[in-house]
Amino acid sequence: MNLVVMGAQWGDEGKGKIVDYLASEAETVIRFSGGANAGHTIVTNGVTYKLHLVPSGIIDKNKICLMGSAMVIDPEGLFNELDNLSNQGIDWKGRLFVSDRAHLVLPSYKQIDIEMDKKRKSPIGTTGRGIGVAYSQKASRDGFRVCDIFDEQMYSRLEDEDKVFLEKFKARLEPMVVNAAYFMAQRKGQKNLFEGAQGALLDLDGGTYPFVSSGFSCSAGAAIGGSVGPASLDKILGVFKAYQTRVGNGPFPSAFTKEKDGDLENTIREIGNEYGVTTGRPRKCGYLDLVALKYVCLTNSLSSLVLTHIDVYDGIDEVKACVAYDINGKITEEFPSTVSDLEAAKPVTKTFKGWNTSITGAKSYADLPKETQEYLEFIEEYTGTKISIISVGPDRDQTFNVDEPWTK
């Protein structure tokens, strides 16, 4: 069975934790997209692991992990991350593999990335890690792949400084490299877990262009980056938070404002620890945007939703969700394509009674207060998509199934 976990917002939804949780039953975990601009945090038995490139399943010592063909990999960042995992007692050797078709982030890309963003009329707010440049080079057919390190014809075309950089990692990388198509063919019929990066609203085609990432963070990206056909994907789970966040520039229709919400944004940010894992930047916070979430459900064929951070609302008297946009006086429940419409959009909200009690110890849906259940039932009704997993805290064991995820 091939199970996909993807972000259903602008990233930072808690995908890493959910992949780690689901990996207990998986045999192989495949990270199918993105680069070191991703930040996946896992808390297990009080220990925090912060990952940027390595699949979240690596924390489980019994799992095989693959870095997929649609990733762009900074080898220096990769081995720094692996060294950190080793220092935390994670033995990854012999369990982590890299697709030979994945592209590499070369040193010059990072400075180009920063300079390009400075020159843009509408800066994107890039992390400066060379991700967009690597994808641009790939699209213009000037990129450099993992397999090209071991191809003398391709390797000879590199600048000397890039050769010097790659020589430091060549021997360490070589035993990890596989042809992903045949690697995955050998795992047909097993439980394979596909892990996305960023979120659907940052997808190059389906997101809030141009304020998007350069890779595929949509569900279709799992097939592309995971080296399997789209018909092989059995189930797609979309992870979302009980509220909305965004890092970097770009429209954010449901954002909290001082005028309407007072200090609610700071309150949510501090309770939810809403700071970027990769950059440390504070995340902008807002109401759960159900207009955007329904759009993601429609465009990604989500089988079900996975809810995280619902416990952040434990001490809030009233919980609001955005159920429509007011765009220049016109009310709509459709997610617009243009930046101007998204920037003009004002949230139309629905208010729910808060539960004012801790739910962090809940082990089942029945353990949740009636008010929490009413909020979740409305989300399901609005999006037309059921919630199958709920996270009520940062630790792995603060998660429970509403439906069994590993069944077709």
Protein backbone atom coordinates (compact mmCIF):
# COMPACT_ATOMS: atom_id res chain seq x y z
CA MET A 1 0.00 0.00 0.00
CA ASN A 2 1.25 3.50 -0.90
CA LEU A 3 0.13 6.14 1.60
CA VAL A 4 0.83 9.84 0.96
CA VAL A 5 1.17 12.51 3.66
CA MET A 6 1.14 16.08 2.34
CA GLY A 7 0.66 19.57 3.71
CA ALA A 8 -2.80 21.05 3.21
CA GLN A 9 -1.88 24.66 4.02
CA TRP A 10 1.25 26.82 3.54
CA GLY A 11 3.55 24.26 5.15
CA ASP A 12 4.47 23.95 8.84
CA GLU A 13 1.36 21.82 9.50
CA GLY A 14 3.10 19.10 11.49
CA LYS A 15 3.78 16.63 8.66
CA GLY A 16 7.01 15.40 10.25
CA LYS A 17 5.23 14.30 13.41
CA ILE A 18 2.48 12.56 11.45
CA VAL A 19 4.96 10.74 9.21
CA ASP A 20 6.88 9.61 12.29
CA TYR A 21 3.59 8.42 13.83
CA LEU A 22 2.50 6.51 10.72
CA ALA A 23 5.98 5.10 10.12
CA SER A 24 5.46 2.59 12.91
CA GLU A 25 3.54 0.46 10.40
CA ALA A 26 5.43 1.46 7.25
CA GLU A 27 8.33 -0.45 5.78
CA THR A 28 9.75 2.35 3.62
CA VAL A 29 9.44 6.14 4.00
CA ILE A 30 9.98 8.26 0.88
CA ARG A 31 10.51 12.03 0.98
CA PHE A 32 9.25 13.02 -2.46
CA SER A 33 9.89 16.77 -2.83
CA GLY A 34 11.61 19.94 -1.69
CA GLY A 35 14.99 20.71 -0.21
CA ALA A 36 16.55 22.03 2.96
CA ASN A 37 13.98 24.84 3.15
CA ALA A 38 11.64 22.32 4.79
CA GLY A 39 11.59 21.93 8.55
CA HIS A 40 10.07 18.82 10.13
CA THR A 41 10.08 18.53 13.93
CA ILE A 42 9.61 15.22 15.73
CA VAL A 43 9.28 14.83 19.51
CA THR A 44 9.63 11.29 20.84
CA ASN A 45 10.03 10.37 24.51
CA GLY A 46 10.88 13.98 25.28
CA VAL A 47 13.65 14.14 22.64
CA THR A 48 13.30 16.66 19.80
CA TYR A 49 14.65 15.91 16.33
CA LYS A 50 14.74 18.65 13.67
CA LEU A 51 14.94 17.48 10.08
CA HIS A 52 15.28 19.45 6.85
CA LEU A 53 16.22 16.93 4.15
CA VAL A 54 16.11 13.46 5.69
CA PRO A 55 12.73 11.64 5.69
CA SER A 56 11.02 11.74 9.08
CA GLY A 57 10.87 7.94 9.20
CA ILE A 58 14.62 7.84 9.91
CA ILE A 59 13.94 8.16 13.66
CA ASP A 60 12.53 4.61 13.68
CA LYS A 61 15.56 2.29 13.59
CA ASN A 62 13.67 -0.37 11.62
CA LYS A 63 12.67 1.78 8.65
CA ILE A 64 14.22 2.16 5.22
CA CYS A 65 14.17 5.75 3.89
CA LEU A 66 14.52 7.20 0.40
CA MET A 67 15.22 10.76 -0.68
CA GLY A 68 13.23 10.98 -3.90
CA SER A 69 13.88 12.06 -7.46
CA ALA A 70 12.11 15.43 -7.20
CA MET A 71 14.20 16.59 -4.25
CA VAL A 72 17.04 19.12 -4.53
CA ILE A 73 19.79 18.15 -2.12
CA ASP A 74 22.53 20.25 -0.55
CA PRO A 75 25.16 17.58 0.26
CA GLU A 76 26.77 19.70 2.95
CA GLY A 77 23.42 20.25 4.65
CA LEU A 78 22.59 16.57 4.28
CA PHE A 79 25.70 15.29 6.01
CA ASN A 80 25.52 17.95 8.72
CA GLU A 81 22.00 16.71 9.43
CA LEU A 82 23.11 13.09 9.42
CA ASP A 83 25.99 13.87 11.78
CA ASN A 84 23.53 15.55 14.15
CA LEU A 85 21.29 12.47 14.03
CA SER A 86 24.29 10.26 14.82
CA ASN A 87 25.09 12.48 17.80
CA GLN A 88 21.51 11.96 18.99
CA GLY A 89 21.90 8.20 18.82
CA ILE A 90 20.16 7.58 15.48
CA ASP A 91 21.95 4.93 13.40
CA TRP A 92 21.00 5.80 9.83
CA LYS A 93 23.73 3.99 7.89
CA GLY A 94 22.40 1.31 5.59
CA ARG A 95 18.84 2.66 5.98
CA LEU A 96 18.97 5.93 4.05
CA PHE A 97 19.12 5.98 0.26
CA VAL A 98 19.18 8.78 -2.32
CA SER A 99 17.64 8.74 -5.79
CA ASP A 100 20.31 9.10 -8.45
CA ARG A 101 17.95 11.45 -10.33
CA ALA A 102 17.65 13.97 -7.48
CA HIS A 103 19.29 17.32 -8.25
CA LEU A 104 22.06 18.90 -6.20
CA VAL A 105 22.27 22.38 -4.69
CA LEU A 106 25.71 23.77 -5.51
CA PRO A 107 27.38 26.46 -3.34
CA SER A 108 26.88 29.33 -5.80
CA TYR A 109 23.11 28.74 -5.85
CA LYS A 110 22.61 30.16 -2.36
CA GLN A 111 24.02 33.60 -3.09
CA ILE A 112 22.20 33.71 -6.43
CA ASP A 113 18.98 32.88 -4.55
CA ILE A 114 19.40 35.81 -2.15
CA GLU A 115 20.39 38.27 -4.89
CA MET A 116 17.49 37.22 -7.14
CA ASP A 117 14.97 37.82 -4.36
CA LYS A 118 16.40 41.26 -3.67
CA LYS A 119 15.92 42.23 -7.32
CA ARG A 120 12.34 41.00 -7.57
CA LYS A 121 9.61 43.64 -7.77
CA SER A 122 7.66 41.47 -5.34
CA PRO A 123 10.19 39.61 -3.14
CA ILE A 124 9.06 36.10 -2.22
CA GLY A 125 10.87 35.91 1.11
CA THR A 126 13.05 32.94 0.12
CA THR A 127 15.01 31.04 2.78
CA GLY A 128 18.18 31.69 0.74
CA ARG A 129 19.13 28.02 0.61
CA GLY A 130 19.41 27.82 -3.17
CA ILE A 131 16.29 25.69 -3.57
CA GLY A 132 14.59 27.84 -6.21
CA VAL A 133 17.82 28.21 -8.16
CA ALA A 134 18.35 24.44 -8.20
CA TYR A 135 14.82 23.94 -9.54
CA SER A 136 15.35 26.72 -12.11
CA GLN A 137 18.57 25.08 -13.29
CA LYS A 138 16.73 21.78 -13.50
CA ALA A 139 13.92 23.28 -15.60
CA SER A 140 16.35 25.00 -17.97
CA ARG A 141 18.25 21.69 -18.29
CA ASP A 142 21.40 23.12 -16.74
CA GLY A 143 21.10 21.28 -13.42
CA PHE A 144 23.41 18.70 -11.92
CA ARG A 145 22.06 15.43 -10.56
CA VAL A 146 23.35 12.97 -7.99
CA CYS A 147 24.19 10.43 -10.70
CA ASP A 148 26.24 13.05 -12.56
CA ILE A 149 28.83 13.07 -9.78
CA PHE A 150 29.83 9.58 -10.94
CA ASP A 151 29.63 10.34 -14.67
CA GLU A 152 33.01 11.70 -15.81
CA GLN A 153 31.49 13.33 -18.89
CA MET A 154 29.04 15.36 -16.78
CA TYR A 155 31.43 15.90 -13.88
CA SER A 156 34.06 17.43 -16.18
CA ARG A 157 31.65 20.24 -17.11
CA LEU A 158 31.53 21.59 -13.55
CA GLU A 159 33.43 24.64 -12.38
CA ASP A 160 36.55 23.76 -10.38
CA GLU A 161 35.09 25.22 -7.18
CA ASP A 162 32.05 22.94 -7.49
CA LYS A 163 34.28 19.91 -8.01
CA VAL A 164 36.26 20.80 -4.89
CA PHE A 165 33.00 21.12 -2.95
CA LEU A 166 31.58 17.79 -4.14
CA GLU A 167 34.81 15.83 -3.63
CA LYS A 168 34.29 16.18 0.14
CA PHE A 169 31.03 14.22 -0.06
CA LYS A 170 31.51 11.90 -3.04
CA ALA A 171 32.74 8.85 -1.11
CA ARG A 172 30.13 9.23 1.65
CA LEU A 173 27.30 9.64 -0.83
CA GLU A 174 28.15 6.81 -3.23
CA PRO A 175 26.89 3.83 -1.15
CA MET A 176 23.57 5.62 -0.58
CA VAL A 177 22.73 6.16 -4.27
CA VAL A 178 20.04 4.04 -5.96
CA ASN A 179 17.95 4.04 -9.12
CA ALA A 180 14.66 4.93 -7.44
CA ALA A 181 12.39 3.38 -10.07
CA TYR A 182 13.78 -0.11 -9.45
CA PHE A 183 14.24 0.54 -5.73
CA MET A 184 10.49 1.20 -5.46
CA ALA A 185 9.56 -1.65 -7.81
CA GLN A 186 11.17 -4.03 -5.33
CA ARG A 187 8.87 -2.61 -2.64
CA LYS A 188 5.63 -3.10 -4.52
CA GLY A 189 3.03 -4.57 -2.20
CA GLN A 190 4.78 -3.31 0.94
CA LYS A 191 3.59 -0.45 3.16
CA ASN A 192 5.27 2.62 1.68
CA LEU A 193 4.81 6.06 3.22
CA PHE A 194 5.34 9.11 0.98
CA GLU A 195 6.30 12.33 2.79
CA GLY A 196 5.76 15.75 1.24
CA ALA A 197 7.44 19.05 2.02
CA GLN A 198 5.89 22.54 2.28
CA GLY A 199 2.15 22.55 1.57
CA ALA A 200 -0.35 22.51 -1.28
CA LEU A 201 -0.77 26.30 -1.17
CA LEU A 202 2.97 26.58 -1.92
CA ASP A 203 2.80 24.24 -4.90
CA LEU A 204 4.29 25.73 -8.06
CA ASP A 205 1.06 25.30 -10.05
CA GLY A 206 -1.72 25.04 -7.48
CA GLY A 207 -0.42 27.51 -4.89
CA THR A 208 -0.51 31.30 -4.44
CA TYR A 209 1.81 31.97 -7.37
CA PRO A 210 4.33 33.65 -7.47
CA PHE A 211 4.58 33.35 -3.66
CA VAL A 212 5.20 29.61 -3.83
CA SER A 213 8.01 27.09 -3.63
CA SER A 214 9.64 25.82 -6.81
CA GLY A 215 8.77 22.16 -6.44
CA PHE A 216 5.71 19.95 -6.38
CA SER A 217 4.10 19.93 -2.94
CA CYS A 218 0.77 18.67 -4.31
CA SER A 219 -0.33 15.05 -4.08
CA ALA A 220 0.70 14.36 -7.69
CA GLY A 221 4.25 15.16 -6.61
CA ALA A 222 4.31 11.92 -4.62
CA ALA A 223 4.16 9.91 -7.84
CA ILE A 224 6.73 12.10 -9.61
CA GLY A 225 9.24 12.27 -6.77
CA GLY A 226 8.54 8.78 -5.49
CA SER A 227 9.22 7.17 -8.88
CA VAL A 228 5.86 5.39 -9.05
CA GLY A 229 2.87 5.87 -11.33
CA PRO A 230 -0.10 7.96 -10.09
CA ALA A 231 -2.40 4.92 -10.13
CA SER A 232 -0.13 3.36 -7.51
CA LEU A 233 -1.09 5.92 -4.86
CA ASP A 234 -3.71 4.28 -2.65
CA LYS A 235 -4.54 6.96 -0.11
CA ILE A 236 -3.69 10.66 0.33
CA LEU A 237 -3.78 12.37 3.74
CA GLY A 238 -3.72 16.17 4.01
CA VAL A 239 -2.27 17.57 7.24
CA PHE A 240 -3.67 20.87 8.54
CA LYS A 241 -3.52 22.92 11.72
CA ALA A 242 -6.56 24.08 13.66
CA TYR A 243 -5.57 27.60 12.62
CA GLN A 244 -3.58 29.04 9.72
CA THR A 245 0.08 30.14 9.49
CA ARG A 246 2.34 31.50 6.81
CA VAL A 247 6.07 32.32 6.63
CA GLY A 248 7.55 34.73 4.12
CA ASN A 249 5.73 37.03 1.76
CA GLY A 250 2.44 36.47 -0.03
CA PRO A 251 -1.32 36.89 0.52
CA PHE A 252 -2.89 35.62 3.75
CA PRO A 253 -6.68 36.28 3.70
CA SER A 254 -7.45 34.90 7.17
CA ALA A 255 -4.62 36.64 9.04
CA PHE A 256 -5.32 37.91 12.57
CA THR A 257 -5.32 41.70 12.90
CA LYS A 258 -4.73 43.91 15.93
CA GLU A 259 -7.94 45.82 15.22
CA LYS A 260 -10.23 42.76 15.25
CA ASP A 261 -8.30 40.22 17.29
CA GLY A 262 -6.14 42.18 19.72
CA ASP A 263 -3.13 40.13 20.86
CA LEU A 264 -4.51 36.79 19.62
CA GLU A 265 -1.78 36.34 17.01
CA ASN A 266 1.01 36.59 19.61
CA THR A 267 -0.92 34.31 21.96
CA ILE A 268 -1.35 31.60 19.32
CA ARG A 269 2.25 32.01 18.13
CA GLU A 270 3.68 31.51 21.61
CA ILE A 271 1.41 28.62 22.62
CA GLY A 272 1.93 26.87 19.29
CA ASN A 273 5.65 27.74 19.09
CA GLU A 274 5.07 29.16 15.64
CA TYR A 275 8.63 29.88 14.59
CA GLY A 276 10.25 28.40 11.49
CA VAL A 277 12.29 25.25 12.10
CA THR A 278 14.64 26.18 9.26
CA THR A 279 14.84 29.97 9.64
CA GLY A 280 13.57 30.75 13.14
CA ARG A 281 11.30 33.39 11.60
CA PRO A 282 8.02 34.05 13.44
CA ARG A 283 5.07 32.70 11.50
CA LYS A 284 2.10 34.90 10.69
CA CYS A 285 -1.03 33.41 12.25
CA GLY A 286 -4.73 33.58 11.42
CA TYR A 287 -8.09 31.83 11.50
CA LEU A 288 -8.36 28.38 9.98
CA ASP A 289 -9.07 29.13 6.31
CA LEU A 290 -11.73 26.66 5.25
CA VAL A 291 -12.03 28.23 1.79
CA ALA A 292 -8.40 27.38 1.12
CA LEU A 293 -8.65 23.97 2.81
CA LYS A 294 -11.64 22.92 0.68
CA TYR A 295 -9.74 24.04 -2.44
CA VAL A 296 -6.81 21.82 -1.40
CA CYS A 297 -9.16 18.88 -0.81
CA LEU A 298 -10.64 19.32 -4.29
CA THR A 299 -7.35 19.72 -6.17
CA ASN A 300 -5.43 16.95 -4.41
CA SER A 301 -8.07 14.19 -4.16
CA LEU A 302 -7.53 13.99 -0.41
CA SER A 303 -8.79 10.73 1.06
CA SER A 304 -8.95 12.31 4.50
CA LEU A 305 -7.57 15.09 6.69
CA VAL A 306 -5.14 14.99 9.61
CA LEU A 307 -5.66 17.66 12.27
CA THR A 308 -2.80 19.02 14.37
CA HIS A 309 -2.35 21.79 16.99
CA ILE A 310 -5.99 21.65 18.09
CA ASP A 311 -4.73 21.78 21.69
CA VAL A 312 -3.42 25.32 21.08
CA TYR A 313 -7.04 26.49 21.42
CA ASP A 314 -7.48 24.85 24.85
CA GLY A 315 -7.58 28.15 26.74
CA ILE A 316 -9.41 30.26 24.13
CA ASP A 317 -12.99 31.31 24.90
CA GLU A 318 -14.10 31.53 21.27
CA VAL A 319 -12.73 29.83 18.17
CA LYS A 320 -13.34 31.32 14.75
CA ALA A 321 -12.89 29.88 11.27
CA CYS A 322 -12.90 31.63 7.89
CA VAL A 323 -15.85 30.30 5.86
CA ALA A 324 -15.88 32.77 2.94
CA TYR A 325 -14.03 35.76 1.50
CA ASP A 326 -15.32 39.28 1.07
CA ILE A 327 -13.52 40.55 -2.04
CA ASN A 328 -14.41 44.17 -2.73
CA GLY A 329 -17.95 43.60 -1.45
CA LYS A 330 -18.51 40.25 -3.20
CA ILE A 331 -18.84 37.21 -0.94
CA THR A 332 -17.32 34.02 -2.33
CA GLU A 333 -16.42 30.54 -1.12
CA GLU A 334 -14.06 29.98 -4.06
CA PHE A 335 -10.28 30.25 -3.63
CA PRO A 336 -9.09 32.90 -6.15
CA SER A 337 -6.19 32.51 -8.55
CA THR A 338 -4.96 36.11 -8.64
CA VAL A 339 -2.76 37.72 -6.02
CA SER A 340 -4.82 40.93 -6.17
CA ASP A 341 -8.03 39.10 -5.25
CA LEU A 342 -6.30 37.17 -2.46
CA GLU A 343 -4.76 40.36 -1.05
CA ALA A 344 -8.11 42.14 -1.19
CA ALA A 345 -9.94 39.23 0.46
CA LYS A 346 -11.27 39.80 3.97
CA PRO A 347 -12.29 36.78 6.03
CA VAL A 348 -15.95 36.06 6.69
CA THR A 349 -15.88 34.07 9.92
CA LYS A 350 -18.04 31.67 11.90
CA THR A 351 -17.66 31.58 15.69
CA PHE A 352 -17.53 28.43 17.79
CA LYS A 353 -17.65 28.12 21.55
CA GLY A 354 -14.28 27.26 23.09
CA TRP A 355 -13.80 24.24 25.36
CA ASN A 356 -11.58 25.85 28.04
CA THR A 357 -10.04 22.57 29.16
CA SER A 358 -6.91 20.63 28.28
CA ILE A 359 -7.35 17.96 25.60
CA THR A 360 -3.69 16.93 25.52
CA GLY A 361 -4.46 13.64 27.25
CA ALA A 362 -7.21 12.58 24.83
CA LYS A 363 -6.74 9.09 23.43
CA SER A 364 -9.83 8.91 21.22
CA TYR A 365 -12.42 11.08 19.52
CA ALA A 366 -14.86 10.29 22.34
CA ASP A 367 -12.41 11.88 24.82
CA LEU A 368 -12.74 15.28 23.14
CA PRO A 369 -15.14 17.86 24.64
CA LYS A 370 -18.45 18.39 22.85
CA GLU A 371 -17.34 21.87 21.75
CA THR A 372 -14.20 20.46 20.12
CA GLN A 373 -16.23 17.80 18.34
CA GLU A 374 -18.62 20.45 17.00
CA TYR A 375 -15.70 22.41 15.56
CA LEU A 376 -14.28 19.32 13.87
CA GLU A 377 -17.66 18.20 12.52
CA PHE A 378 -18.13 21.60 10.90
CA ILE A 379 -14.71 21.33 9.23
CA GLU A 380 -15.64 17.92 7.82
CA GLU A 381 -19.02 19.15 6.59
CA TYR A 382 -17.57 22.28 4.97
CA THR A 383 -14.70 20.52 3.17
CA GLY A 384 -16.60 17.33 2.40
CA THR A 385 -13.61 15.42 3.75
CA LYS A 386 -13.39 13.37 6.94
CA ILE A 387 -10.75 13.81 9.62
CA SER A 388 -8.97 10.47 10.14
CA ILE A 389 -6.14 11.36 12.56
CA ILE A 390 -5.98 13.94 15.37
CA SER A 391 -2.90 15.26 17.16
CA VAL A 392 -3.45 16.84 20.60
CA GLY A 393 0.17 17.65 21.50
CA PRO A 394 3.74 17.57 20.20
CA ASP A 395 4.70 14.07 21.33
CA ARG A 396 4.25 10.97 19.19
CA ASP A 397 1.86 9.37 21.69
CA GLN A 398 -0.38 12.46 21.70
CA THR A 399 -1.95 11.26 18.46
CA PHE A 400 -4.87 8.96 17.75
CA ASN A 401 -6.74 7.52 14.79
CA VAL A 402 -10.39 8.21 14.06
CA ASP A 403 -10.17 5.81 11.10
CA GLU A 404 -7.48 3.26 10.31
CA PRO A 405 -5.01 4.94 7.89
CA TRP A 406 -3.33 1.78 6.56
CA THR A 407 -6.42 0.35 4.87
CA LYS A 408 -7.52 0.95 1.28
